[in-house]
């Protein structure tokens, strides 16, 4: 596991009307602070990567479809520097992924439907000075493959 990344297995409370699923609570071990909440949709065949933040922690949960989340750690002082990791999250695996600052991350929809990821970051988005660094999704320096079976 990449240093600082935390996975919270989510549970669905099901009854004959449907289900309820808590994602992040202020009393959760992994809760830091609330900045805002937003969703990001990813169309099939599209890779939305790589980006990271200098100070923001992200909390990803796929609420529709399924998505492959990729992580890459190139922080100089990290015990997991150089490691890449992936998770398939969503209807097949309801989890919350906490992603620390300066860990590169991205996503790609799995299957033929759009995936929708809810993010609850610790910071407000600053339109004048965004806390975001970017690199090419297929950067050869990142040891990660975005393709999925059949894709």
N, C-alpha and C. Protein backbone atom coordinates (compact mmCIF):
# COMPACT_ATOMS: atom_id res chain seq x y z
N UNK A 1 0.85 -1.18 0.00
CA UNK A 1 0.00 0.00 0.00
C UNK A 1 0.89 1.24 0.00
N UNK A 2 0.58 2.19 -0.85
CA UNK A 2 1.34 3.43 -0.91
C UNK A 2 1.17 4.19 0.40
N UNK A 3 2.29 4.69 0.92
CA UNK A 3 2.30 5.40 2.20
C UNK A 3 1.27 6.53 2.22
N UNK A 4 0.41 6.53 3.25
CA UNK A 4 -0.60 7.57 3.41
C UNK A 4 -1.94 7.26 2.77
N UNK A 5 -1.97 6.29 1.85
CA UNK A 5 -3.24 5.89 1.23
C UNK A 5 -4.01 5.05 2.24
N UNK A 6 -5.30 5.26 2.31
CA UNK A 6 -6.14 4.49 3.23
C UNK A 6 -7.38 4.04 2.48
N UNK A 7 -7.76 2.80 2.68
CA UNK A 7 -8.97 2.24 2.06
C UNK A 7 -9.98 1.97 3.17
N UNK A 8 -11.19 2.45 2.97
CA UNK A 8 -12.29 2.18 3.89
C UNK A 8 -13.33 1.36 3.12
N UNK A 9 -13.55 0.13 3.56
CA UNK A 9 -14.58 -0.70 2.96
C UNK A 9 -15.94 -0.13 3.35
N UNK A 10 -16.79 0.12 2.38
CA UNK A 10 -18.10 0.68 2.65
C UNK A 10 -19.13 -0.44 2.72
N UNK A 11 -20.17 -0.22 3.51
CA UNK A 11 -21.22 -1.24 3.58
C UNK A 11 -22.56 -0.60 3.21
N UNK A 12 -23.33 -1.41 2.55
CA UNK A 12 -24.67 -0.98 2.16
C UNK A 12 -25.67 -1.49 3.19
N UNK A 13 -26.56 -0.62 3.59
CA UNK A 13 -27.66 -1.00 4.47
C UNK A 13 -28.87 -1.16 3.55
N UNK A 14 -29.26 -2.43 3.35
CA UNK A 14 -30.24 -2.78 2.32
C UNK A 14 -31.58 -3.12 2.95
N UNK A 15 -32.64 -2.65 2.33
CA UNK A 15 -33.98 -3.12 2.67
C UNK A 15 -34.79 -3.23 1.38
N UNK A 16 -36.08 -3.49 1.49
CA UNK A 16 -36.89 -3.73 0.29
C UNK A 16 -37.13 -2.48 -0.55
N UNK A 17 -36.69 -1.33 -0.09
CA UNK A 17 -36.83 -0.07 -0.85
C UNK A 17 -35.58 0.27 -1.63
N UNK A 18 -34.43 -0.33 -1.28
CA UNK A 18 -33.15 0.00 -1.90
C UNK A 18 -32.04 -0.10 -0.87
N UNK A 19 -31.11 0.84 -0.91
CA UNK A 19 -30.04 0.81 0.09
C UNK A 19 -29.54 2.21 0.40
N UNK A 20 -28.85 2.30 1.52
CA UNK A 20 -28.17 3.50 1.96
C UNK A 20 -26.72 3.11 2.19
N UNK A 21 -25.79 4.00 1.83
CA UNK A 21 -24.38 3.71 2.04
C UNK A 21 -23.68 4.99 2.51
N UNK A 22 -23.20 4.97 3.76
CA UNK A 22 -22.41 6.10 4.25
C UNK A 22 -21.05 6.05 3.59
N UNK A 23 -20.52 7.23 3.22
CA UNK A 23 -19.23 7.29 2.54
C UNK A 23 -18.15 7.85 3.45
N UNK A 24 -18.36 9.02 4.02
CA UNK A 24 -17.36 9.64 4.89
C UNK A 24 -18.07 10.38 6.00
N UNK A 25 -17.64 10.12 7.22
CA UNK A 25 -18.21 10.76 8.40
C UNK A 25 -17.12 11.56 9.12
N UNK A 26 -17.53 12.61 9.80
CA UNK A 26 -16.57 13.43 10.55
C UNK A 26 -15.89 12.65 11.66
N UNK A 27 -16.49 11.54 12.11
CA UNK A 27 -15.87 10.73 13.16
C UNK A 27 -15.09 9.54 12.61
N UNK A 28 -14.90 9.45 11.28
CA UNK A 28 -14.08 8.40 10.68
C UNK A 28 -12.61 8.64 10.99
N UNK A 29 -11.87 7.55 11.15
CA UNK A 29 -10.43 7.62 11.37
C UNK A 29 -9.72 8.40 10.27
N UNK A 30 -10.19 8.27 9.02
CA UNK A 30 -9.49 8.91 7.92
C UNK A 30 -9.96 10.32 7.61
N UNK A 31 -10.97 10.82 8.32
CA UNK A 31 -11.45 12.18 8.08
C UNK A 31 -10.42 13.20 8.55
N UNK A 32 -10.10 14.16 7.71
CA UNK A 32 -9.16 15.23 8.07
C UNK A 32 -9.91 16.54 8.24
N UNK A 33 -10.55 16.98 7.17
CA UNK A 33 -11.38 18.18 7.20
C UNK A 33 -12.20 18.20 5.91
N UNK A 34 -13.21 19.05 5.87
CA UNK A 34 -14.07 19.17 4.69
C UNK A 34 -13.71 20.42 3.91
N UNK A 35 -13.46 20.26 2.62
CA UNK A 35 -13.25 21.40 1.74
C UNK A 35 -14.47 21.63 0.88
N UNK A 36 -14.88 20.61 0.15
CA UNK A 36 -16.05 20.66 -0.72
C UNK A 36 -16.35 19.24 -1.17
N UNK A 37 -17.41 19.07 -1.93
CA UNK A 37 -17.75 17.77 -2.51
C UNK A 37 -18.10 18.00 -3.98
N UNK A 38 -17.63 17.11 -4.85
CA UNK A 38 -17.98 17.21 -6.26
C UNK A 38 -17.92 15.83 -6.89
N UNK A 39 -18.52 15.70 -8.07
CA UNK A 39 -18.45 14.45 -8.82
C UNK A 39 -17.68 14.68 -10.12
N UNK A 40 -17.03 13.62 -10.58
CA UNK A 40 -16.29 13.63 -11.82
C UNK A 40 -16.72 12.41 -12.62
N UNK A 41 -17.26 12.63 -13.81
CA UNK A 41 -17.70 11.53 -14.67
C UNK A 41 -16.59 11.19 -15.66
N UNK A 42 -16.43 9.90 -15.92
CA UNK A 42 -15.42 9.43 -16.86
C UNK A 42 -16.10 8.51 -17.87
N UNK A 43 -16.01 8.89 -19.14
CA UNK A 43 -16.62 8.10 -20.20
C UNK A 43 -15.78 6.86 -20.50
N UNK A 44 -16.42 5.77 -20.96
CA UNK A 44 -15.67 4.56 -21.33
C UNK A 44 -14.58 4.88 -22.36
N UNK A 45 -13.42 4.27 -22.17
CA UNK A 45 -12.31 4.48 -23.11
C UNK A 45 -11.47 5.71 -22.83
N UNK A 46 -11.82 6.50 -21.82
CA UNK A 46 -11.11 7.73 -21.49
C UNK A 46 -10.29 7.53 -20.21
N UNK A 47 -9.09 8.08 -20.20
CA UNK A 47 -8.24 8.09 -19.01
C UNK A 47 -8.15 9.53 -18.53
N UNK A 48 -8.50 9.75 -17.28
CA UNK A 48 -8.38 11.08 -16.66
C UNK A 48 -7.21 10.99 -15.68
N UNK A 49 -6.01 11.37 -16.14
CA UNK A 49 -4.81 11.26 -15.31
C UNK A 49 -3.71 12.10 -15.96
N UNK A 50 -2.63 12.18 -15.35
CA UNK A 50 -2.25 12.12 -13.96
C UNK A 50 -2.34 13.51 -13.37
N UNK A 51 -2.74 13.58 -12.11
CA UNK A 51 -2.66 14.85 -11.40
C UNK A 51 -2.41 14.58 -9.92
N UNK A 52 -1.92 15.60 -9.24
CA UNK A 52 -1.71 15.52 -7.79
C UNK A 52 -1.84 16.92 -7.21
N UNK A 53 -1.84 16.99 -5.91
CA UNK A 53 -2.03 18.25 -5.20
C UNK A 53 -0.90 18.46 -4.21
N UNK A 54 -0.53 19.72 -4.00
CA UNK A 54 0.53 20.04 -3.03
C UNK A 54 0.06 19.89 -1.59
N UNK A 55 -1.19 20.30 -1.30
CA UNK A 55 -1.66 20.23 0.09
C UNK A 55 -2.98 19.48 0.27
N UNK A 56 -3.72 19.28 -0.78
CA UNK A 56 -5.05 18.66 -0.68
C UNK A 56 -4.99 17.15 -0.57
N UNK A 57 -5.79 16.59 0.32
CA UNK A 57 -6.07 15.15 0.38
C UNK A 57 -7.38 14.93 -0.36
N UNK A 58 -7.46 13.88 -1.18
CA UNK A 58 -8.69 13.52 -1.88
C UNK A 58 -9.31 12.30 -1.21
N UNK A 59 -10.62 12.19 -1.31
CA UNK A 59 -11.38 11.03 -0.83
C UNK A 59 -12.30 10.59 -1.96
N UNK A 60 -11.91 9.54 -2.69
CA UNK A 60 -12.63 9.06 -3.87
C UNK A 60 -13.59 7.93 -3.51
N UNK A 61 -14.81 8.00 -4.05
CA UNK A 61 -15.78 6.92 -3.96
C UNK A 61 -16.53 6.89 -5.29
N UNK A 62 -16.54 5.75 -5.97
CA UNK A 62 -17.27 5.62 -7.23
C UNK A 62 -18.73 5.30 -6.90
N UNK A 63 -19.64 6.20 -7.29
CA UNK A 63 -21.06 6.06 -6.93
C UNK A 63 -21.92 5.56 -8.09
N UNK A 64 -21.36 5.46 -9.29
CA UNK A 64 -22.09 4.90 -10.43
C UNK A 64 -21.08 4.24 -11.37
N UNK A 65 -21.42 3.05 -11.83
CA UNK A 65 -20.49 2.31 -12.67
C UNK A 65 -19.32 1.78 -11.86
N UNK A 66 -18.22 1.54 -12.55
CA UNK A 66 -16.99 1.06 -11.92
C UNK A 66 -15.82 1.79 -12.56
N UNK A 67 -14.81 2.06 -11.78
CA UNK A 67 -13.65 2.78 -12.29
C UNK A 67 -12.36 2.18 -11.77
N UNK A 68 -11.33 2.27 -12.59
CA UNK A 68 -9.98 1.88 -12.17
C UNK A 68 -9.30 3.16 -11.70
N UNK A 69 -8.87 3.17 -10.45
CA UNK A 69 -8.13 4.30 -9.89
C UNK A 69 -6.66 3.92 -9.87
N UNK A 70 -5.83 4.75 -10.47
CA UNK A 70 -4.39 4.53 -10.47
C UNK A 70 -3.71 5.51 -9.54
N UNK A 71 -2.70 5.02 -8.82
CA UNK A 71 -1.91 5.84 -7.91
C UNK A 71 -0.43 5.63 -8.22
N UNK A 72 0.35 6.70 -8.11
CA UNK A 72 1.79 6.61 -8.29
C UNK A 72 2.48 7.54 -7.30
N UNK A 73 3.43 6.99 -6.57
CA UNK A 73 4.14 7.73 -5.53
C UNK A 73 5.56 8.06 -5.98
N UNK A 74 5.83 9.34 -6.24
CA UNK A 74 7.22 9.72 -6.52
C UNK A 74 7.70 10.79 -5.53
N UNK A 75 7.11 10.78 -4.33
CA UNK A 75 7.54 11.71 -3.28
C UNK A 75 8.94 11.30 -2.81
N UNK A 76 9.89 12.23 -2.82
CA UNK A 76 11.27 11.88 -2.48
C UNK A 76 11.46 11.28 -1.10
N UNK A 77 10.64 11.68 -0.13
CA UNK A 77 10.82 11.22 1.25
C UNK A 77 9.89 10.07 1.64
N UNK A 78 9.21 9.48 0.67
CA UNK A 78 8.25 8.43 0.97
C UNK A 78 8.90 7.04 0.99
N UNK A 79 8.46 6.21 1.91
CA UNK A 79 8.96 4.83 1.97
C UNK A 79 8.47 3.99 0.80
N UNK A 80 7.45 4.48 0.08
CA UNK A 80 6.91 3.75 -1.06
C UNK A 80 7.20 4.45 -2.39
N UNK A 81 8.24 5.30 -2.39
CA UNK A 81 8.60 6.02 -3.61
C UNK A 81 8.85 5.04 -4.77
N UNK A 82 8.28 5.38 -5.94
CA UNK A 82 8.45 4.55 -7.13
C UNK A 82 7.37 3.50 -7.30
N UNK A 83 6.50 3.35 -6.31
CA UNK A 83 5.45 2.33 -6.40
C UNK A 83 4.19 2.89 -7.07
N UNK A 84 3.57 2.02 -7.84
CA UNK A 84 2.27 2.31 -8.44
C UNK A 84 1.27 1.28 -7.92
N UNK A 85 0.02 1.66 -7.92
CA UNK A 85 -1.01 0.79 -7.38
C UNK A 85 -2.32 1.10 -8.10
N UNK A 86 -3.18 0.11 -8.21
CA UNK A 86 -4.51 0.36 -8.78
C UNK A 86 -5.58 -0.33 -7.95
N UNK A 87 -6.77 0.24 -8.04
CA UNK A 87 -7.96 -0.30 -7.38
C UNK A 87 -9.11 -0.21 -8.36
N UNK A 88 -9.94 -1.23 -8.41
CA UNK A 88 -11.21 -1.14 -9.12
C UNK A 88 -12.26 -0.90 -8.06
N UNK A 89 -12.96 0.23 -8.19
CA UNK A 89 -13.94 0.62 -7.19
C UNK A 89 -15.28 0.92 -7.87
N UNK A 90 -16.33 0.84 -7.10
CA UNK A 90 -17.66 1.16 -7.62
C UNK A 90 -18.67 0.13 -7.16
N UNK A 91 -19.61 -0.18 -8.04
CA UNK A 91 -20.67 -1.13 -7.69
C UNK A 91 -20.09 -2.50 -7.32
N UNK A 92 -18.98 -2.88 -7.95
CA UNK A 92 -18.37 -4.18 -7.66
C UNK A 92 -17.56 -4.17 -6.37
N UNK A 93 -17.09 -3.00 -5.97
CA UNK A 93 -16.23 -2.88 -4.80
C UNK A 93 -16.44 -1.50 -4.16
N UNK A 94 -17.44 -1.37 -3.29
CA UNK A 94 -17.73 -0.05 -2.71
C UNK A 94 -16.73 0.31 -1.61
N UNK A 95 -15.78 1.18 -1.96
CA UNK A 95 -14.78 1.63 -1.01
C UNK A 95 -14.59 3.13 -1.13
N UNK A 96 -13.95 3.68 -0.11
CA UNK A 96 -13.50 5.07 -0.13
C UNK A 96 -11.97 5.02 -0.11
N UNK A 97 -11.33 5.73 -1.03
CA UNK A 97 -9.87 5.79 -1.09
C UNK A 97 -9.43 7.18 -0.66
N UNK A 98 -8.61 7.25 0.39
CA UNK A 98 -8.01 8.53 0.79
C UNK A 98 -6.64 8.61 0.13
N UNK A 99 -6.42 9.71 -0.62
CA UNK A 99 -5.19 9.90 -1.38
C UNK A 99 -4.45 11.11 -0.82
N UNK A 100 -3.21 10.91 -0.36
CA UNK A 100 -2.46 12.02 0.24
C UNK A 100 -1.93 13.02 -0.79
N UNK A 101 -1.53 14.20 -0.32
CA UNK A 101 -0.90 15.17 -1.22
C UNK A 101 0.33 14.58 -1.89
N UNK A 102 0.58 15.02 -3.12
CA UNK A 102 1.74 14.67 -3.93
C UNK A 102 1.79 13.21 -4.38
N UNK A 103 0.69 12.47 -4.20
CA UNK A 103 0.57 11.14 -4.81
C UNK A 103 -0.22 11.35 -6.10
N UNK A 104 0.39 11.01 -7.22
CA UNK A 104 -0.25 11.15 -8.54
C UNK A 104 -1.41 10.17 -8.61
N UNK A 105 -2.53 10.61 -9.19
CA UNK A 105 -3.69 9.75 -9.29
C UNK A 105 -4.51 10.07 -10.54
N UNK A 106 -5.32 9.10 -10.91
CA UNK A 106 -6.19 9.26 -12.07
C UNK A 106 -7.20 8.13 -12.10
N UNK A 107 -8.04 8.14 -13.14
CA UNK A 107 -9.08 7.12 -13.24
C UNK A 107 -9.44 6.83 -14.68
N UNK A 108 -10.02 5.65 -14.88
CA UNK A 108 -10.55 5.22 -16.18
C UNK A 108 -11.79 4.37 -15.91
N UNK A 109 -12.86 4.61 -16.66
CA UNK A 109 -14.08 3.83 -16.50
C UNK A 109 -13.80 2.37 -16.88
N UNK A 110 -14.44 1.47 -16.17
CA UNK A 110 -14.34 0.04 -16.46
C UNK A 110 -15.66 -0.38 -17.09
N UNK A 111 -15.58 -1.08 -18.21
CA UNK A 111 -16.81 -1.54 -18.86
C UNK A 111 -17.35 -0.52 -19.85
N UNK A 112 -18.61 -0.66 -20.18
CA UNK A 112 -19.21 0.15 -21.24
C UNK A 112 -20.06 1.31 -20.74
N UNK A 113 -20.06 1.55 -19.43
CA UNK A 113 -20.85 2.67 -18.93
C UNK A 113 -19.96 3.74 -18.28
N UNK A 114 -20.47 4.95 -18.26
CA UNK A 114 -19.78 6.06 -17.61
C UNK A 114 -19.63 5.76 -16.13
N UNK A 115 -18.46 6.06 -15.58
CA UNK A 115 -18.29 5.95 -14.13
C UNK A 115 -18.39 7.34 -13.54
N UNK A 116 -18.92 7.41 -12.33
CA UNK A 116 -19.07 8.68 -11.63
C UNK A 116 -18.40 8.56 -10.28
N UNK A 117 -17.39 9.40 -10.05
CA UNK A 117 -16.63 9.38 -8.81
C UNK A 117 -16.98 10.62 -7.99
N UNK A 118 -17.35 10.38 -6.74
CA UNK A 118 -17.56 11.46 -5.78
C UNK A 118 -16.22 11.72 -5.11
N UNK A 119 -15.80 12.99 -5.08
CA UNK A 119 -14.59 13.35 -4.34
C UNK A 119 -14.96 14.31 -3.23
N UNK A 120 -14.42 14.06 -2.04
CA UNK A 120 -14.61 14.94 -0.89
C UNK A 120 -13.22 15.39 -0.46
N UNK A 121 -12.65 16.41 -1.14
CA UNK A 121 -11.31 16.85 -0.81
C UNK A 121 -11.28 17.69 0.48
N UNK A 122 -10.09 17.83 1.02
CA UNK A 122 -9.92 18.59 2.26
C UNK A 122 -9.87 20.10 2.04
N UNK A 123 -9.71 20.54 0.79
CA UNK A 123 -9.54 21.97 0.51
C UNK A 123 -10.59 22.44 -0.50
N UNK A 124 -10.89 23.73 -0.44
CA UNK A 124 -11.71 24.36 -1.47
C UNK A 124 -10.87 24.52 -2.74
N UNK A 125 -11.52 24.40 -3.89
CA UNK A 125 -10.81 24.65 -5.15
C UNK A 125 -10.56 26.14 -5.27
N UNK A 126 -9.31 26.51 -5.53
CA UNK A 126 -8.93 27.91 -5.70
C UNK A 126 -8.80 28.19 -7.20
N UNK A 127 -9.75 28.91 -7.75
CA UNK A 127 -9.77 29.16 -9.19
C UNK A 127 -8.59 30.01 -9.65
N UNK A 128 -8.11 30.93 -8.81
CA UNK A 128 -6.99 31.79 -9.17
C UNK A 128 -5.65 31.06 -9.10
N UNK A 129 -5.49 30.18 -8.11
CA UNK A 129 -4.26 29.43 -7.93
C UNK A 129 -4.58 27.97 -7.62
N UNK A 130 -4.94 27.20 -8.64
CA UNK A 130 -5.31 25.80 -8.39
C UNK A 130 -4.16 24.99 -7.78
N UNK A 131 -4.50 24.17 -6.79
CA UNK A 131 -3.54 23.27 -6.14
C UNK A 131 -3.50 21.99 -6.95
N UNK A 132 -2.93 22.07 -8.13
CA UNK A 132 -2.95 20.89 -9.00
C UNK A 132 -1.75 20.89 -9.93
N UNK A 133 -1.09 19.74 -9.97
CA UNK A 133 -0.01 19.50 -10.92
C UNK A 133 -0.51 18.42 -11.88
N UNK A 134 -0.05 18.46 -13.13
CA UNK A 134 -0.52 17.50 -14.13
C UNK A 134 0.67 16.89 -14.88
N UNK A 135 0.43 15.67 -15.37
CA UNK A 135 1.37 15.02 -16.28
C UNK A 135 0.56 14.12 -17.22
N UNK A 136 1.18 13.73 -18.31
CA UNK A 136 0.52 12.91 -19.34
C UNK A 136 0.06 11.57 -18.76
N UNK A 137 -1.16 11.10 -19.12
CA UNK A 137 -1.65 9.83 -18.60
C UNK A 137 -0.78 8.63 -19.00
N UNK A 138 0.01 8.78 -20.06
CA UNK A 138 0.84 7.68 -20.53
C UNK A 138 2.33 8.02 -20.40
N UNK A 139 2.66 8.84 -19.43
CA UNK A 139 4.04 9.22 -19.14
C UNK A 139 4.87 7.96 -18.92
N UNK A 140 5.91 7.75 -19.73
CA UNK A 140 6.71 6.51 -19.60
C UNK A 140 7.47 6.39 -18.28
N UNK A 141 7.60 7.49 -17.54
CA UNK A 141 8.28 7.44 -16.24
C UNK A 141 7.38 6.88 -15.14
N UNK A 142 6.09 6.76 -15.43
CA UNK A 142 5.15 6.21 -14.45
C UNK A 142 4.92 4.74 -14.78
N UNK A 143 5.27 3.82 -13.87
CA UNK A 143 5.14 2.38 -14.14
C UNK A 143 3.70 1.90 -13.94
N UNK A 144 2.83 2.30 -14.86
CA UNK A 144 1.41 1.99 -14.72
C UNK A 144 0.79 1.79 -16.08
N UNK A 145 -0.10 0.80 -16.18
CA UNK A 145 -0.83 0.52 -17.42
C UNK A 145 -2.31 0.82 -17.22
N UNK A 146 -2.85 1.67 -18.06
CA UNK A 146 -4.28 2.02 -17.94
C UNK A 146 -5.19 1.04 -18.65
N UNK A 147 -4.70 0.28 -19.62
CA UNK A 147 -5.61 -0.60 -20.35
C UNK A 147 -6.25 -1.62 -19.42
N UNK A 148 -7.45 -1.98 -19.80
CA UNK A 148 -8.19 -3.00 -19.05
C UNK A 148 -8.48 -4.13 -20.02
N UNK A 149 -8.87 -5.27 -19.50
CA UNK A 149 -9.16 -6.42 -20.36
C UNK A 149 -10.18 -6.03 -21.41
N UNK A 150 -9.89 -6.37 -22.64
CA UNK A 150 -10.80 -6.07 -23.74
C UNK A 150 -10.67 -4.65 -24.23
N UNK A 151 -9.82 -3.84 -23.55
CA UNK A 151 -9.70 -2.43 -23.94
C UNK A 151 -8.34 -2.10 -24.46
